[in-house]
């Protein structure tokens, strides 16, 4: 089974002496795993960085067996932020969440385009607000809609919070997530509580019911806004 596509690197681990097994988020194929021979060579390992955009050629004799990738770098992303702990944690966090929650070999153009838009905007000043909105849209695209618009009220400060009950859980939700209007000014407390809210939704709906470990990188990101 042979095909080629563009993708983003979500996960990698060493396989044998000079190879890696990687998981990529492909535009047309969804999450796919494969072996990269020579993946530990200086040339290839330098661009096999999480979130980097790659061009891959996939070869497999049987669709039920692990295939092989030939890879080329399209666009470096993570190396641009190696000196930025917050953005690096965000990139690792998103890759880890997608790697865990995306089903194998099931295309999802909506999530792919949303992820790509975030990666293109991570250099902006309000990137952390965009990150939070990405997580909120991801929750919906994965099949659960918290329907925050039902709690919308008029003339409420965008930096305030509202306690709401969704299913059997009570959450403290930032007003700007309900109104879907990014705040012009925001404090670390607002970011922290926003991240805490989306994390709890993701954990309660996807990780805890399926007994999945939650990415440490996501907790690290949250802690930067104490």
C-alpha atoms as a PDB file:
ATOM      1  CA  UNK A   1       0.000   0.000   0.000  1.00  0.00           C
ATOM      2  CA  UNK A   2       1.819   3.082  -1.262  1.00  0.00           C
ATOM      3  CA  UNK A   3       0.850   6.723  -0.916  1.00  0.00           C
ATOM      4  CA  UNK A   4       2.362  10.140  -0.218  1.00  0.00           C
ATOM      5  CA  UNK A   5       1.105  13.150   1.698  1.00  0.00           C
ATOM      6  CA  UNK A   6       1.997  16.117   3.889  1.00  0.00           C
ATOM      7  CA  UNK A   7       1.744  15.687   7.627  1.00  0.00           C
ATOM      8  CA  UNK A   8       2.805  16.849  11.083  1.00  0.00           C
ATOM      9  CA  UNK A   9       5.005  14.788  13.389  1.00  0.00           C
ATOM     10  CA  UNK A  10       3.170  13.843  16.604  1.00  0.00           C
ATOM     11  CA  UNK A  11       5.399  11.214  18.189  1.00  0.00           C
ATOM     12  CA  UNK A  12       8.691   9.384  17.726  1.00  0.00           C
ATOM     13  CA  UNK A  13      10.669   6.696  19.507  1.00  0.00           C
ATOM     14  CA  UNK A  14      13.860   4.837  18.778  1.00  0.00           C
ATOM     15  CA  UNK A  15      13.497   1.527  16.950  1.00  0.00           C
ATOM     16  CA  UNK A  16      16.546  -0.675  16.646  1.00  0.00           C
ATOM     17  CA  UNK A  17      19.955   0.921  16.185  1.00  0.00           C
ATOM     18  CA  UNK A  18      19.354   3.464  13.461  1.00  0.00           C
ATOM     19  CA  UNK A  19      15.598   3.738  12.980  1.00  0.00           C
ATOM     20  CA  UNK A  20      12.597   5.442  14.528  1.00  0.00           C
ATOM     21  CA  UNK A  21       8.936   4.615  14.760  1.00  0.00           C
ATOM     22  CA  UNK A  22       6.964   7.803  14.231  1.00  0.00           C
ATOM     23  CA  UNK A  23       3.306   8.771  14.352  1.00  0.00           C
ATOM     24  CA  UNK A  24       2.211  11.504  11.981  1.00  0.00           C
ATOM     25  CA  UNK A  25      -1.022  13.410  11.454  1.00  0.00           C
ATOM     26  CA  UNK A  26      -1.573  13.158   7.712  1.00  0.00           C
ATOM     27  CA  UNK A  27      -3.862  15.484   5.797  1.00  0.00           C
ATOM     28  CA  UNK A  28      -5.627  12.700   3.896  1.00  0.00           C
ATOM     29  CA  UNK A  29      -4.964   9.601   6.030  1.00  0.00           C
ATOM     30  CA  UNK A  30      -5.270  10.809   9.622  1.00  0.00           C
ATOM     31  CA  UNK A  31      -2.918   9.441  12.264  1.00  0.00           C
ATOM     32  CA  UNK A  32      -0.513   6.920  10.779  1.00  0.00           C
ATOM     33  CA  UNK A  33       2.456   5.031  12.263  1.00  0.00           C
ATOM     34  CA  UNK A  34       5.540   3.921  10.376  1.00  0.00           C
ATOM     35  CA  UNK A  35       9.249   3.153  10.533  1.00  0.00           C
ATOM     36  CA  UNK A  36      11.865   5.657   9.392  1.00  0.00           C
ATOM     37  CA  UNK A  37      15.123   3.913   8.597  1.00  0.00           C
ATOM     38  CA  UNK A  38      18.117   6.151   9.180  1.00  0.00           C
ATOM     39  CA  UNK A  39      15.992   8.189  11.576  1.00  0.00           C
ATOM     40  CA  UNK A  40      18.877   8.537  14.018  1.00  0.00           C
ATOM     41  CA  UNK A  41      21.277   9.889  11.434  1.00  0.00           C
ATOM     42  CA  UNK A  42      22.280  13.504  11.925  1.00  0.00           C
ATOM     43  CA  UNK A  43      20.475  14.676   8.792  1.00  0.00           C
ATOM     44  CA  UNK A  44      17.108  13.098   9.571  1.00  0.00           C
ATOM     45  CA  UNK A  45      17.020  13.399  13.361  1.00  0.00           C
ATOM     46  CA  UNK A  46      17.571  17.154  13.086  1.00  0.00           C
ATOM     47  CA  UNK A  47      14.167  17.602  11.448  1.00  0.00           C
ATOM     48  CA  UNK A  48      12.269  14.750  13.106  1.00  0.00           C
ATOM     49  CA  UNK A  49      11.045  17.197  15.756  1.00  0.00           C
ATOM     50  CA  UNK A  50       7.499  17.189  17.137  1.00  0.00           C
ATOM     51  CA  UNK A  51       5.099  19.478  15.234  1.00  0.00           C
ATOM     52  CA  UNK A  52       7.416  19.867  12.221  1.00  0.00           C
ATOM     53  CA  UNK A  53       5.643  19.675   8.869  1.00  0.00           C
ATOM     54  CA  UNK A  54       6.876  16.792   6.714  1.00  0.00           C
ATOM     55  CA  UNK A  55       6.337  15.264   3.324  1.00  0.00           C
ATOM     56  CA  UNK A  56       6.147  11.483   3.586  1.00  0.00           C
ATOM     57  CA  UNK A  57       6.131   8.578   1.163  1.00  0.00           C
ATOM     58  CA  UNK A  58       4.514   5.531   2.757  1.00  0.00           C
ATOM     59  CA  UNK A  59       5.206   1.963   1.652  1.00  0.00           C
ATOM     60  CA  UNK A  60       3.610  -1.173   3.039  1.00  0.00           C
ATOM     61  CA  UNK A  61       3.100  -4.666   1.661  1.00  0.00           C
ATOM     62  CA  UNK A  62       0.070  -5.217   3.863  1.00  0.00           C
ATOM     63  CA  UNK A  63      -2.304  -2.569   5.223  1.00  0.00           C
ATOM     64  CA  UNK A  64      -2.469  -4.474   8.522  1.00  0.00           C
ATOM     65  CA  UNK A  65       1.297  -4.253   9.072  1.00  0.00           C
ATOM     66  CA  UNK A  66       3.491  -1.350  10.080  1.00  0.00           C
ATOM     67  CA  UNK A  67       4.687   0.495   6.980  1.00  0.00           C
ATOM     68  CA  UNK A  68       7.809   2.459   6.149  1.00  0.00           C
ATOM     69  CA  UNK A  69       8.224   6.187   5.656  1.00  0.00           C
ATOM     70  CA  UNK A  70      10.574   8.197   3.546  1.00  0.00           C
ATOM     71  CA  UNK A  71      10.528  11.727   4.954  1.00  0.00           C
ATOM     72  CA  UNK A  72      11.419  15.237   3.863  1.00  0.00           C
ATOM     73  CA  UNK A  73      11.108  18.465   5.796  1.00  0.00           C
ATOM     74  CA  UNK A  74       8.520  20.918   4.479  1.00  0.00           C
ATOM     75  CA  UNK A  75       8.537  23.447   7.305  1.00  0.00           C
ATOM     76  CA  UNK A  76      10.389  23.573  10.639  1.00  0.00           C
ATOM     77  CA  UNK A  77       8.151  24.687  13.500  1.00  0.00           C
ATOM     78  CA  UNK A  78       9.415  23.502  16.878  1.00  0.00           C
ATOM     79  CA  UNK A  79      13.055  24.637  16.306  1.00  0.00           C
ATOM     80  CA  UNK A  80      11.811  28.216  16.058  1.00  0.00           C
ATOM     81  CA  UNK A  81      10.755  28.050  19.717  1.00  0.00           C
ATOM     82  CA  UNK A  82      13.501  26.005  21.383  1.00  0.00           C
ATOM     83  CA  UNK A  83      14.301  29.064  23.538  1.00  0.00           C
ATOM     84  CA  UNK A  84      10.641  29.656  24.416  1.00  0.00           C
ATOM     85  CA  UNK A  85       9.565  27.261  27.168  1.00  0.00           C
ATOM     86  CA  UNK A  86       5.880  28.169  27.045  1.00  0.00           C
ATOM     87  CA  UNK A  87       5.459  27.732  23.294  1.00  0.00           C
ATOM     88  CA  UNK A  88       7.565  24.574  23.307  1.00  0.00           C
ATOM     89  CA  UNK A  89       5.364  23.097  26.043  1.00  0.00           C
ATOM     90  CA  UNK A  90       2.267  24.039  24.022  1.00  0.00           C
ATOM     91  CA  UNK A  91       3.564  22.298  20.891  1.00  0.00           C
ATOM     92  CA  UNK A  92       4.542  19.148  22.773  1.00  0.00           C
ATOM     93  CA  UNK A  93       1.222  19.201  24.622  1.00  0.00           C
ATOM     94  CA  UNK A  94      -0.892  19.416  21.463  1.00  0.00           C
ATOM     95  CA  UNK A  95       1.121  16.720  19.711  1.00  0.00           C
ATOM     96  CA  UNK A  96       0.736  14.438  22.738  1.00  0.00           C
ATOM     97  CA  UNK A  97      -3.014  15.029  23.028  1.00  0.00           C
ATOM     98  CA  UNK A  98      -3.587  14.444  19.308  1.00  0.00           C
ATOM     99  CA  UNK A  99      -1.346  11.382  19.304  1.00  0.00           C
ATOM    100  CA  UNK A 100      -3.358   9.867  22.143  1.00  0.00           C
ATOM    101  CA  UNK A 101      -6.888  10.803  21.062  1.00  0.00           C
ATOM    102  CA  UNK A 102      -6.856  10.638  17.270  1.00  0.00           C
ATOM    103  CA  UNK A 103      -7.994   7.245  15.962  1.00  0.00           C
ATOM    104  CA  UNK A 104      -5.672   5.335  13.661  1.00  0.00           C
ATOM    105  CA  UNK A 105      -6.098   5.781   9.908  1.00  0.00           C
ATOM    106  CA  UNK A 106      -9.206   7.955  10.136  1.00  0.00           C
ATOM    107  CA  UNK A 107      -8.890  11.281   8.262  1.00  0.00           C
ATOM    108  CA  UNK A 108     -10.152  14.384  10.004  1.00  0.00           C
ATOM    109  CA  UNK A 109      -9.764  17.430   7.784  1.00  0.00           C
ATOM    110  CA  UNK A 110     -11.430  19.713  10.321  1.00  0.00           C
ATOM    111  CA  UNK A 111      -8.968  18.943  13.121  1.00  0.00           C
ATOM    112  CA  UNK A 112      -6.053  18.973  10.675  1.00  0.00           C
ATOM    113  CA  UNK A 113      -6.916  22.451   9.390  1.00  0.00           C
ATOM    114  CA  UNK A 114      -7.578  23.743  12.898  1.00  0.00           C
ATOM    115  CA  UNK A 115      -4.219  22.391  14.096  1.00  0.00           C
ATOM    116  CA  UNK A 116      -2.478  23.917  11.091  1.00  0.00           C
ATOM    117  CA  UNK A 117      -4.085  27.319  11.726  1.00  0.00           C
ATOM    118  CA  UNK A 118      -2.843  27.264  15.295  1.00  0.00           C
ATOM    119  CA  UNK A 119       0.697  26.361  14.231  1.00  0.00           C
ATOM    120  CA  UNK A 120       0.641  29.270  11.785  1.00  0.00           C
ATOM    121  CA  UNK A 121      -0.443  31.673  14.533  1.00  0.00           C
ATOM    122  CA  UNK A 122       1.728  30.501  17.442  1.00  0.00           C
ATOM    123  CA  UNK A 123       4.132  33.373  16.774  1.00  0.00           C
ATOM    124  CA  UNK A 124       1.403  35.931  17.562  1.00  0.00           C
ATOM    125  CA  UNK A 125       1.327  37.779  20.865  1.00  0.00           C
ATOM    126  CA  UNK A 126      -2.003  36.254  21.927  1.00  0.00           C
ATOM    127  CA  UNK A 127      -0.988  32.693  20.970  1.00  0.00           C
ATOM    128  CA  UNK A 128      -2.007  31.258  24.348  1.00  0.00           C
ATOM    129  CA  UNK A 129      -5.583  32.486  23.859  1.00  0.00           C
ATOM    130  CA  UNK A 130      -5.599  30.821  20.442  1.00  0.00           C
ATOM    131  CA  UNK A 131      -4.243  27.654  22.036  1.00  0.00           C
ATOM    132  CA  UNK A 132      -7.159  27.597  24.475  1.00  0.00           C
ATOM    133  CA  UNK A 133      -9.664  28.097  21.660  1.00  0.00           C
ATOM    134  CA  UNK A 134      -7.987  25.273  19.737  1.00  0.00           C
ATOM    135  CA  UNK A 135      -8.473  22.896  22.671  1.00  0.00           C
ATOM    136  CA  UNK A 136     -12.103  23.937  22.933  1.00  0.00           C
ATOM    137  CA  UNK A 137     -12.695  23.286  19.228  1.00  0.00           C
ATOM    138  CA  UNK A 138     -10.822  19.973  19.489  1.00  0.00           C
ATOM    139  CA  UNK A 139     -13.185  18.825  22.230  1.00  0.00           C
ATOM    140  CA  UNK A 140     -16.127  19.471  19.913  1.00  0.00           C
ATOM    141  CA  UNK A 141     -14.443  17.934  16.855  1.00  0.00           C
ATOM    142  CA  UNK A 142     -13.721  14.771  18.837  1.00  0.00           C
ATOM    143  CA  UNK A 143     -17.435  14.355  19.401  1.00  0.00           C
ATOM    144  CA  UNK A 144     -18.358  16.230  22.581  1.00  0.00           C
ATOM    145  CA  UNK A 145     -19.994  19.652  22.529  1.00  0.00           C
ATOM    146  CA  UNK A 146     -20.124  21.375  25.954  1.00  0.00           C
ATOM    147  CA  UNK A 147     -22.510  23.901  24.340  1.00  0.00           C
ATOM    148  CA  UNK A 148     -21.168  26.895  26.267  1.00  0.00           C
ATOM    149  CA  UNK A 149     -23.319  29.340  24.276  1.00  0.00           C
ATOM    150  CA  UNK A 150     -26.352  28.314  26.331  1.00  0.00           C
ATOM    151  CA  UNK A 151     -24.781  30.091  29.306  1.00  0.00           C
ATOM    152  CA  UNK A 152     -24.207  33.351  27.453  1.00  0.00           C
ATOM    153  CA  UNK A 153     -25.299  36.556  29.182  1.00  0.00           C
ATOM    154  CA  UNK A 154     -25.192  40.178  28.116  1.00  0.00           C
ATOM    155  CA  UNK A 155     -22.937  42.878  29.517  1.00  0.00           C
ATOM    156  CA  UNK A 156     -20.585  40.704  31.515  1.00  0.00           C
ATOM    157  CA  UNK A 157     -16.903  41.485  31.926  1.00  0.00           C
ATOM    158  CA  UNK A 158     -14.847  39.228  29.644  1.00  0.00           C
ATOM    159  CA  UNK A 159     -12.361  38.672  32.482  1.00  0.00           C
ATOM    160  CA  UNK A 160     -15.028  37.287  34.829  1.00  0.00           C
ATOM    161  CA  UNK A 161     -15.882  33.644  35.456  1.00  0.00           C
ATOM    162  CA  UNK A 162     -19.113  31.720  35.651  1.00  0.00           C
ATOM    163  CA  UNK A 163     -19.808  28.466  37.455  1.00  0.00           C
ATOM    164  CA  UNK A 164     -21.770  26.085  35.263  1.00  0.00           C
ATOM    165  CA  UNK A 165     -22.770  22.432  35.381  1.00  0.00           C
ATOM    166  CA  UNK A 166     -22.106  20.249  32.342  1.00  0.00           C
ATOM    167  CA  UNK A 167     -23.363  16.689  32.665  1.00  0.00           C
ATOM    168  CA  UNK A 168     -22.498  15.815  36.274  1.00  0.00           C
ATOM    169  CA  UNK A 169     -19.473  18.096  36.563  1.00  0.00           C
ATOM    170  CA  UNK A 170     -19.263  21.678  37.829  1.00  0.00           C
ATOM    171  CA  UNK A 171     -16.785  23.971  36.096  1.00  0.00           C
ATOM    172  CA  UNK A 172     -15.637  27.559  36.552  1.00  0.00           C
ATOM    173  CA  UNK A 173     -15.609  28.893  32.999  1.00  0.00           C
ATOM    174  CA  UNK A 174     -14.048  32.164  31.818  1.00  0.00           C
ATOM    175  CA  UNK A 175     -16.681  34.400  30.241  1.00  0.00           C
ATOM    176  CA  UNK A 176     -14.654  34.935  27.057  1.00  0.00           C
ATOM    177  CA  UNK A 177     -14.917  31.214  26.281  1.00  0.00           C
ATOM    178  CA  UNK A 178     -18.690  31.449  26.552  1.00  0.00           C
ATOM    179  CA  UNK A 179     -18.934  34.589  24.402  1.00  0.00           C
ATOM    180  CA  UNK A 180     -16.177  33.328  22.037  1.00  0.00           C
ATOM    181  CA  UNK A 181     -14.579  36.775  22.076  1.00  0.00           C
ATOM    182  CA  UNK A 182     -10.816  36.800  22.753  1.00  0.00           C
ATOM    183  CA  UNK A 183     -10.013  39.295  25.523  1.00  0.00           C
ATOM    184  CA  UNK A 184      -7.820  42.249  24.628  1.00  0.00           C
ATOM    185  CA  UNK A 185      -6.101  42.084  28.000  1.00  0.00           C
ATOM    186  CA  UNK A 186      -5.642  39.017  30.125  1.00  0.00           C
ATOM    187  CA  UNK A 187      -3.865  38.004  33.304  1.00  0.00           C
ATOM    188  CA  UNK A 188      -2.000  34.823  34.165  1.00  0.00           C
ATOM    189  CA  UNK A 189      -4.915  33.931  36.429  1.00  0.00           C
ATOM    190  CA  UNK A 190      -7.340  34.089  33.499  1.00  0.00           C
ATOM    191  CA  UNK A 191      -5.065  31.922  31.352  1.00  0.00           C
ATOM    192  CA  UNK A 192      -4.517  29.452  34.194  1.00  0.00           C
ATOM    193  CA  UNK A 193      -8.234  29.025  34.838  1.00  0.00           C
ATOM    194  CA  UNK A 194      -8.966  28.750  31.118  1.00  0.00           C
ATOM    195  CA  UNK A 195      -6.383  26.006  30.723  1.00  0.00           C
ATOM    196  CA  UNK A 196      -7.697  24.321  33.851  1.00  0.00           C
ATOM    197  CA  UNK A 197     -11.231  24.330  32.429  1.00  0.00           C
ATOM    198  CA  UNK A 198     -10.326  22.842  29.046  1.00  0.00           C
ATOM    199  CA  UNK A 199      -8.022  20.298  30.715  1.00  0.00           C
ATOM    200  CA  UNK A 200     -10.800  19.109  32.988  1.00  0.00           C
ATOM    201  CA  UNK A 201     -13.194  18.714  30.066  1.00  0.00           C
ATOM    202  CA  UNK A 202     -10.616  16.756  28.071  1.00  0.00           C
ATOM    203  CA  UNK A 203      -9.764  14.561  31.036  1.00  0.00           C
ATOM    204  CA  UNK A 204     -13.365  13.905  32.073  1.00  0.00           C
ATOM    205  CA  UNK A 205     -14.590  13.132  28.557  1.00  0.00           C
ATOM    206  CA  UNK A 206     -11.668  11.335  26.949  1.00  0.00           C
ATOM    207  CA  UNK A 207      -8.752  10.410  29.181  1.00  0.00           C
ATOM    208  CA  UNK A 208     -10.300   9.208  32.441  1.00  0.00           C
ATOM    209  CA  UNK A 209     -13.105   7.065  30.892  1.00  0.00           C
ATOM    210  CA  UNK A 210     -10.540   5.320  28.681  1.00  0.00           C
ATOM    211  CA  UNK A 211      -7.904   5.021  31.432  1.00  0.00           C
ATOM    212  CA  UNK A 212      -5.378   7.023  29.411  1.00  0.00           C
ATOM    213  CA  UNK A 213      -2.417   8.867  30.980  1.00  0.00           C
ATOM    214  CA  UNK A 214      -2.697  12.625  30.624  1.00  0.00           C
ATOM    215  CA  UNK A 215       0.325  14.337  28.973  1.00  0.00           C
ATOM    216  CA  UNK A 216       2.756  15.834  31.490  1.00  0.00           C
ATOM    217  CA  UNK A 217       3.616  18.531  28.954  1.00  0.00           C
ATOM    218  CA  UNK A 218       0.060  19.880  29.272  1.00  0.00           C
ATOM    219  CA  UNK A 219       0.440  20.248  33.044  1.00  0.00           C
ATOM    220  CA  UNK A 220       3.826  21.916  32.538  1.00  0.00           C
ATOM    221  CA  UNK A 221       2.227  24.447  30.176  1.00  0.00           C
ATOM    222  CA  UNK A 222      -0.434  25.232  32.757  1.00  0.00           C
ATOM    223  CA  UNK A 223       2.168  25.756  35.481  1.00  0.00           C
ATOM    224  CA  UNK A 224       3.920  28.465  33.477  1.00  0.00           C
ATOM    225  CA  UNK A 225       0.929  30.719  34.194  1.00  0.00           C
ATOM    226  CA  UNK A 226       0.910  30.496  37.983  1.00  0.00           C
END
